[in-house]
């Protein structure tokens, strides 16, 4: 039996959180810059529609509901959901298995509309 070596906490100097955040920001910026305005607008509207429902959802739900088509590259999803979260439209609602057949049930975030967005949408 092979056992995996595990450390209870990150080893000092091994994980550079600032470098990770910088790489994430760079990736999101590149994905945003390479997204067509038409798809970005459609995705933003789809996220807002799902957020108004007040139930948890994931990217696959937007496509399944016919609210937006798949993007030309999967990185577009992260940029779109990140922008909606920063705008206060959605917030994380845990992690679930993806409903997308192409990713074979990998773990993904699910989202829900924020209380502030829902209050504004009801007004």
N, C-alpha and C. Protein backbone atom coordinates (compact mmCIF):
# COMPACT_ATOMS: atom_id res chain seq x y z
N UNK A 1 0.85 -1.17 0.00
CA UNK A 1 0.00 0.00 0.00
C UNK A 1 0.90 1.24 0.00
N UNK A 2 0.62 2.17 -0.89
CA UNK A 2 1.38 3.41 -0.95
C UNK A 2 0.64 4.49 -0.18
N UNK A 3 1.36 5.20 0.65
CA UNK A 3 0.73 6.28 1.40
C UNK A 3 1.25 7.61 0.89
N UNK A 4 0.36 8.57 0.86
CA UNK A 4 0.72 9.90 0.41
C UNK A 4 1.25 10.71 1.59
N UNK A 5 2.36 11.40 1.37
CA UNK A 5 2.91 12.27 2.39
C UNK A 5 2.03 13.50 2.52
N UNK A 6 1.57 13.80 3.71
CA UNK A 6 0.70 14.95 3.93
C UNK A 6 1.25 15.80 5.06
N UNK A 7 1.17 17.11 4.86
CA UNK A 7 1.58 18.06 5.88
C UNK A 7 0.32 18.70 6.46
N UNK A 8 0.26 18.87 7.77
CA UNK A 8 -0.95 19.44 8.37
C UNK A 8 -1.14 20.92 7.99
N UNK A 9 -0.07 21.60 7.66
CA UNK A 9 -0.14 23.01 7.26
C UNK A 9 0.88 23.23 6.14
N UNK A 10 0.67 24.26 5.33
CA UNK A 10 1.65 24.52 4.26
C UNK A 10 3.04 24.76 4.84
N UNK A 11 4.03 24.25 4.15
CA UNK A 11 5.41 24.44 4.56
C UNK A 11 5.79 25.88 4.23
N UNK A 12 6.36 26.57 5.19
CA UNK A 12 6.74 27.97 5.01
C UNK A 12 7.61 28.14 3.78
N UNK A 13 7.25 29.12 2.95
CA UNK A 13 8.02 29.43 1.76
C UNK A 13 7.67 28.61 0.54
N UNK A 14 6.80 27.61 0.68
CA UNK A 14 6.45 26.76 -0.45
C UNK A 14 5.28 27.36 -1.24
N UNK A 15 4.33 27.92 -0.53
CA UNK A 15 3.14 28.49 -1.17
C UNK A 15 3.25 30.01 -1.13
N UNK A 16 3.17 30.61 -2.29
CA UNK A 16 3.22 32.06 -2.39
C UNK A 16 1.81 32.55 -2.74
N UNK A 17 1.03 32.88 -1.71
CA UNK A 17 -0.36 33.29 -1.91
C UNK A 17 -0.47 34.52 -2.80
N UNK A 18 0.44 35.46 -2.65
CA UNK A 18 0.40 36.67 -3.47
C UNK A 18 0.62 36.34 -4.95
N UNK A 19 1.54 35.43 -5.22
CA UNK A 19 1.78 35.02 -6.60
C UNK A 19 0.56 34.30 -7.17
N UNK A 20 -0.10 33.50 -6.35
CA UNK A 20 -1.32 32.82 -6.78
C UNK A 20 -2.42 33.79 -7.13
N UNK A 21 -2.61 34.79 -6.28
CA UNK A 21 -3.65 35.81 -6.54
C UNK A 21 -3.30 36.62 -7.78
N UNK A 22 -2.02 36.92 -7.97
CA UNK A 22 -1.61 37.68 -9.15
C UNK A 22 -1.86 36.87 -10.42
N UNK A 23 -1.58 35.58 -10.38
CA UNK A 23 -1.82 34.72 -11.54
C UNK A 23 -3.31 34.61 -11.83
N UNK A 24 -4.12 34.52 -10.78
CA UNK A 24 -5.57 34.47 -10.95
C UNK A 24 -6.07 35.76 -11.60
N UNK A 25 -5.63 36.89 -11.09
CA UNK A 25 -6.05 38.19 -11.64
C UNK A 25 -5.63 38.32 -13.10
N UNK A 26 -4.43 37.86 -13.42
CA UNK A 26 -3.94 37.92 -14.79
C UNK A 26 -4.80 37.04 -15.70
N UNK A 27 -5.11 35.84 -15.26
CA UNK A 27 -5.94 34.94 -16.05
C UNK A 27 -7.33 35.49 -16.28
N UNK A 28 -7.93 36.07 -15.25
CA UNK A 28 -9.26 36.66 -15.39
C UNK A 28 -9.21 37.84 -16.35
N UNK A 29 -8.19 38.66 -16.24
CA UNK A 29 -8.05 39.82 -17.13
C UNK A 29 -7.91 39.37 -18.59
N UNK A 30 -7.12 38.32 -18.83
CA UNK A 30 -6.94 37.83 -20.20
C UNK A 30 -8.24 37.23 -20.73
N UNK A 31 -8.95 36.49 -19.89
CA UNK A 31 -10.23 35.90 -20.31
C UNK A 31 -11.25 36.99 -20.63
N UNK A 32 -11.29 38.02 -19.80
CA UNK A 32 -12.21 39.13 -20.03
C UNK A 32 -11.87 39.86 -21.33
N UNK A 33 -10.61 40.13 -21.54
CA UNK A 33 -10.17 40.86 -22.73
C UNK A 33 -10.46 40.09 -24.02
N UNK A 34 -10.50 38.77 -23.94
CA UNK A 34 -10.70 37.94 -25.13
C UNK A 34 -12.13 37.43 -25.28
N UNK A 35 -13.04 37.95 -24.47
CA UNK A 35 -14.45 37.57 -24.55
C UNK A 35 -15.19 38.56 -25.43
N UNK A 36 -16.01 38.04 -26.33
CA UNK A 36 -16.78 38.94 -27.18
C UNK A 36 -17.79 39.71 -26.33
N UNK A 37 -18.02 40.98 -26.64
CA UNK A 37 -19.00 41.75 -25.87
C UNK A 37 -20.40 41.13 -25.91
N UNK A 38 -20.76 40.51 -27.03
CA UNK A 38 -22.08 39.90 -27.15
C UNK A 38 -22.26 38.75 -26.16
N UNK A 39 -21.24 37.88 -26.09
CA UNK A 39 -21.36 36.76 -25.15
C UNK A 39 -21.30 37.27 -23.72
N UNK A 40 -20.44 38.24 -23.44
CA UNK A 40 -20.33 38.79 -22.09
C UNK A 40 -21.67 39.38 -21.64
N UNK A 41 -22.34 40.13 -22.52
CA UNK A 41 -23.64 40.73 -22.18
C UNK A 41 -24.69 39.65 -21.94
N UNK A 42 -24.71 38.64 -22.82
CA UNK A 42 -25.68 37.55 -22.68
C UNK A 42 -25.44 36.78 -21.39
N UNK A 43 -24.19 36.53 -21.07
CA UNK A 43 -23.85 35.80 -19.85
C UNK A 43 -24.21 36.61 -18.61
N UNK A 44 -23.93 37.91 -18.63
CA UNK A 44 -24.27 38.78 -17.51
C UNK A 44 -25.79 38.74 -17.26
N UNK A 45 -26.56 38.84 -18.33
CA UNK A 45 -28.03 38.80 -18.20
C UNK A 45 -28.49 37.44 -17.67
N UNK A 46 -27.86 36.37 -18.14
CA UNK A 46 -28.21 35.02 -17.69
C UNK A 46 -27.91 34.84 -16.20
N UNK A 47 -26.76 35.31 -15.77
CA UNK A 47 -26.40 35.22 -14.35
C UNK A 47 -27.40 36.01 -13.51
N UNK A 48 -27.77 37.19 -13.96
CA UNK A 48 -28.75 38.00 -13.22
C UNK A 48 -30.10 37.31 -13.16
N UNK A 49 -30.51 36.68 -14.26
CA UNK A 49 -31.78 35.95 -14.27
C UNK A 49 -31.76 34.83 -13.24
N UNK A 50 -30.68 34.05 -13.23
CA UNK A 50 -30.58 32.95 -12.27
C UNK A 50 -30.47 33.49 -10.85
N UNK A 51 -29.76 34.57 -10.65
CA UNK A 51 -29.60 35.15 -9.31
C UNK A 51 -30.95 35.60 -8.75
N UNK A 52 -31.82 36.13 -9.60
CA UNK A 52 -33.14 36.59 -9.15
C UNK A 52 -34.01 35.44 -8.63
N UNK A 53 -33.72 34.24 -9.06
CA UNK A 53 -34.51 33.08 -8.62
C UNK A 53 -34.24 32.71 -7.16
N UNK A 54 -33.10 33.15 -6.63
CA UNK A 54 -32.80 32.92 -5.23
C UNK A 54 -32.44 31.48 -4.88
N UNK A 55 -32.07 30.69 -5.88
CA UNK A 55 -31.66 29.30 -5.62
C UNK A 55 -30.24 29.10 -6.13
N UNK A 56 -29.50 28.17 -5.56
CA UNK A 56 -28.13 27.94 -6.03
C UNK A 56 -28.10 27.48 -7.49
N UNK A 57 -27.07 27.92 -8.22
CA UNK A 57 -26.91 27.54 -9.62
C UNK A 57 -25.43 27.51 -9.97
N UNK A 58 -25.14 26.89 -11.10
CA UNK A 58 -23.78 26.83 -11.63
C UNK A 58 -23.83 27.17 -13.11
N UNK A 59 -22.67 27.30 -13.73
CA UNK A 59 -22.60 27.70 -15.13
C UNK A 59 -23.42 26.79 -16.03
N UNK A 60 -23.40 25.50 -15.78
CA UNK A 60 -24.14 24.56 -16.62
C UNK A 60 -25.64 24.87 -16.64
N UNK A 61 -26.14 25.41 -15.56
CA UNK A 61 -27.57 25.74 -15.49
C UNK A 61 -27.94 26.86 -16.47
N UNK A 62 -27.02 27.78 -16.70
CA UNK A 62 -27.30 28.88 -17.63
C UNK A 62 -27.52 28.33 -19.04
N UNK A 63 -26.72 27.34 -19.42
CA UNK A 63 -26.84 26.72 -20.74
C UNK A 63 -28.08 25.83 -20.78
N UNK A 64 -28.30 25.03 -19.75
CA UNK A 64 -29.44 24.12 -19.70
C UNK A 64 -30.77 24.89 -19.78
N UNK A 65 -30.80 26.08 -19.20
CA UNK A 65 -32.01 26.91 -19.22
C UNK A 65 -32.16 27.66 -20.54
N UNK A 66 -31.16 27.55 -21.41
CA UNK A 66 -31.22 28.25 -22.69
C UNK A 66 -30.99 29.75 -22.58
N UNK A 67 -30.34 30.17 -21.49
CA UNK A 67 -30.11 31.59 -21.25
C UNK A 67 -28.87 32.12 -21.97
N UNK A 68 -27.90 31.25 -22.21
CA UNK A 68 -26.66 31.64 -22.88
C UNK A 68 -26.03 30.39 -23.49
N UNK A 69 -25.32 30.56 -24.58
CA UNK A 69 -24.61 29.45 -25.21
C UNK A 69 -23.28 29.22 -24.50
N UNK A 70 -22.69 28.06 -24.74
CA UNK A 70 -21.34 27.80 -24.24
C UNK A 70 -20.40 28.84 -24.83
N UNK A 71 -19.43 29.31 -24.04
CA UNK A 71 -18.46 30.25 -24.59
C UNK A 71 -17.47 29.54 -25.51
N UNK A 72 -16.69 30.33 -26.23
CA UNK A 72 -15.69 29.74 -27.12
C UNK A 72 -14.55 29.09 -26.34
N UNK A 73 -14.39 29.45 -25.09
CA UNK A 73 -13.36 28.86 -24.23
C UNK A 73 -13.92 28.80 -22.80
N UNK A 74 -13.70 27.70 -22.08
CA UNK A 74 -14.26 27.58 -20.73
C UNK A 74 -13.76 28.62 -19.73
N UNK A 75 -12.63 29.26 -20.00
CA UNK A 75 -12.11 30.28 -19.08
C UNK A 75 -13.05 31.49 -19.00
N UNK A 76 -13.90 31.65 -20.01
CA UNK A 76 -14.83 32.79 -20.00
C UNK A 76 -15.80 32.72 -18.83
N UNK A 77 -16.15 31.50 -18.42
CA UNK A 77 -17.08 31.36 -17.30
C UNK A 77 -16.53 32.00 -16.03
N UNK A 78 -15.28 31.70 -15.71
CA UNK A 78 -14.70 32.22 -14.48
C UNK A 78 -14.68 33.73 -14.46
N UNK A 79 -14.32 34.33 -15.59
CA UNK A 79 -14.29 35.79 -15.67
C UNK A 79 -15.69 36.38 -15.48
N UNK A 80 -16.69 35.74 -16.09
CA UNK A 80 -18.06 36.25 -15.99
C UNK A 80 -18.60 36.14 -14.56
N UNK A 81 -18.38 34.99 -13.93
CA UNK A 81 -18.87 34.82 -12.56
C UNK A 81 -18.10 35.69 -11.58
N UNK A 82 -16.80 35.87 -11.82
CA UNK A 82 -16.00 36.74 -10.97
C UNK A 82 -16.52 38.18 -11.05
N UNK A 83 -16.82 38.64 -12.26
CA UNK A 83 -17.33 40.01 -12.43
C UNK A 83 -18.68 40.18 -11.73
N UNK A 84 -19.55 39.18 -11.84
CA UNK A 84 -20.86 39.27 -11.19
C UNK A 84 -20.73 39.26 -9.67
N UNK A 85 -19.78 38.48 -9.15
CA UNK A 85 -19.56 38.46 -7.70
C UNK A 85 -19.02 39.80 -7.22
N UNK A 86 -18.05 40.37 -7.95
CA UNK A 86 -17.50 41.66 -7.57
C UNK A 86 -18.55 42.77 -7.65
N UNK A 87 -19.52 42.62 -8.55
CA UNK A 87 -20.58 43.62 -8.71
C UNK A 87 -21.68 43.45 -7.66
N UNK A 88 -21.57 42.40 -6.83
CA UNK A 88 -22.56 42.19 -5.77
C UNK A 88 -23.83 41.49 -6.22
N UNK A 89 -23.81 40.90 -7.41
CA UNK A 89 -24.98 40.20 -7.94
C UNK A 89 -25.10 38.80 -7.33
N UNK A 90 -23.97 38.10 -7.22
CA UNK A 90 -23.97 36.73 -6.73
C UNK A 90 -22.91 36.55 -5.65
N UNK A 91 -23.06 35.46 -4.91
CA UNK A 91 -22.05 35.07 -3.93
C UNK A 91 -21.93 33.56 -3.93
N UNK A 92 -20.78 33.08 -3.48
CA UNK A 92 -20.55 31.64 -3.44
C UNK A 92 -21.58 30.97 -2.55
N UNK A 93 -22.03 29.78 -2.99
CA UNK A 93 -22.99 28.99 -2.22
C UNK A 93 -22.50 27.56 -2.11
N UNK A 94 -21.20 27.39 -1.97
CA UNK A 94 -20.63 26.07 -1.79
C UNK A 94 -20.07 25.47 -3.07
N UNK A 95 -19.68 24.22 -2.96
CA UNK A 95 -19.10 23.49 -4.08
C UNK A 95 -19.92 22.23 -4.32
N UNK A 96 -20.13 21.92 -5.59
CA UNK A 96 -20.90 20.74 -5.98
C UNK A 96 -20.23 20.11 -7.20
N UNK A 97 -20.68 18.93 -7.57
CA UNK A 97 -20.20 18.32 -8.81
C UNK A 97 -20.82 19.05 -9.98
N UNK A 98 -20.02 19.30 -10.98
CA UNK A 98 -20.50 19.98 -12.18
C UNK A 98 -21.52 19.13 -12.91
N UNK A 99 -22.52 19.79 -13.46
CA UNK A 99 -23.54 19.11 -14.26
C UNK A 99 -23.11 18.97 -15.72
N UNK A 100 -21.99 19.58 -16.09
CA UNK A 100 -21.51 19.53 -17.47
C UNK A 100 -20.91 18.16 -17.76
N UNK A 101 -21.41 17.51 -18.80
CA UNK A 101 -20.92 16.18 -19.16
C UNK A 101 -19.45 16.19 -19.55
N UNK A 102 -18.99 17.29 -20.11
CA UNK A 102 -17.62 17.35 -20.62
C UNK A 102 -16.56 17.38 -19.53
N UNK A 103 -16.94 17.64 -18.30
CA UNK A 103 -15.94 17.71 -17.23
C UNK A 103 -16.03 16.52 -16.27
N UNK A 104 -16.86 15.55 -16.60
CA UNK A 104 -16.93 14.28 -15.87
C UNK A 104 -17.15 14.44 -14.37
N UNK A 105 -18.04 15.34 -13.98
CA UNK A 105 -18.41 15.48 -12.57
C UNK A 105 -17.37 16.13 -11.68
N UNK A 106 -16.50 16.95 -12.26
CA UNK A 106 -15.50 17.63 -11.42
C UNK A 106 -16.21 18.62 -10.50
N UNK A 107 -15.51 19.05 -9.49
CA UNK A 107 -16.07 19.97 -8.50
C UNK A 107 -16.10 21.38 -9.07
N UNK A 108 -17.20 22.09 -8.84
CA UNK A 108 -17.29 23.48 -9.27
C UNK A 108 -18.06 24.28 -8.22
N UNK A 109 -17.91 25.59 -8.29
CA UNK A 109 -18.65 26.47 -7.39
C UNK A 109 -20.09 26.54 -7.83
N UNK A 110 -20.95 26.69 -6.83
CA UNK A 110 -22.31 27.08 -7.15
C UNK A 110 -22.53 28.45 -6.53
N UNK A 111 -23.48 29.16 -7.06
CA UNK A 111 -23.70 30.55 -6.71
C UNK A 111 -25.16 30.79 -6.39
N UNK A 112 -25.42 31.89 -5.71
CA UNK A 112 -26.79 32.33 -5.47
C UNK A 112 -26.80 33.85 -5.49
N UNK A 113 -27.95 34.41 -5.74
CA UNK A 113 -28.07 35.87 -5.73
C UNK A 113 -27.83 36.41 -4.33
N UNK A 114 -27.17 37.56 -4.24
CA UNK A 114 -26.94 38.17 -2.92
C UNK A 114 -28.24 38.77 -2.41
N UNK A 115 -28.33 38.93 -1.10
CA UNK A 115 -29.51 39.55 -0.50
C UNK A 115 -29.72 40.96 -1.05
N UNK A 116 -28.62 41.70 -1.22
CA UNK A 116 -28.74 43.06 -1.74
C UNK A 116 -29.27 43.07 -3.17
N UNK A 117 -28.79 42.13 -4.00
CA UNK A 117 -29.26 42.07 -5.39
C UNK A 117 -30.72 41.68 -5.43
N UNK A 118 -31.11 40.68 -4.61
CA UNK A 118 -32.49 40.25 -4.58
C UNK A 118 -33.41 41.36 -4.10
N UNK A 119 -32.96 42.14 -3.11
CA UNK A 119 -33.76 43.26 -2.62
C UNK A 119 -33.93 44.32 -3.71
N UNK A 120 -32.85 44.58 -4.44
CA UNK A 120 -32.93 45.55 -5.54
C UNK A 120 -33.77 45.05 -6.68
N UNK A 121 -33.73 43.75 -6.95
CA UNK A 121 -34.50 43.17 -8.05
C UNK A 121 -35.99 43.17 -7.72
N UNK A 122 -36.31 43.10 -6.41
CA UNK A 122 -37.72 43.08 -6.00
C UNK A 122 -38.31 44.48 -6.00
N UNK A 123 -37.45 45.49 -5.93
CA UNK A 123 -37.96 46.87 -5.84
C UNK A 123 -38.49 47.37 -7.16
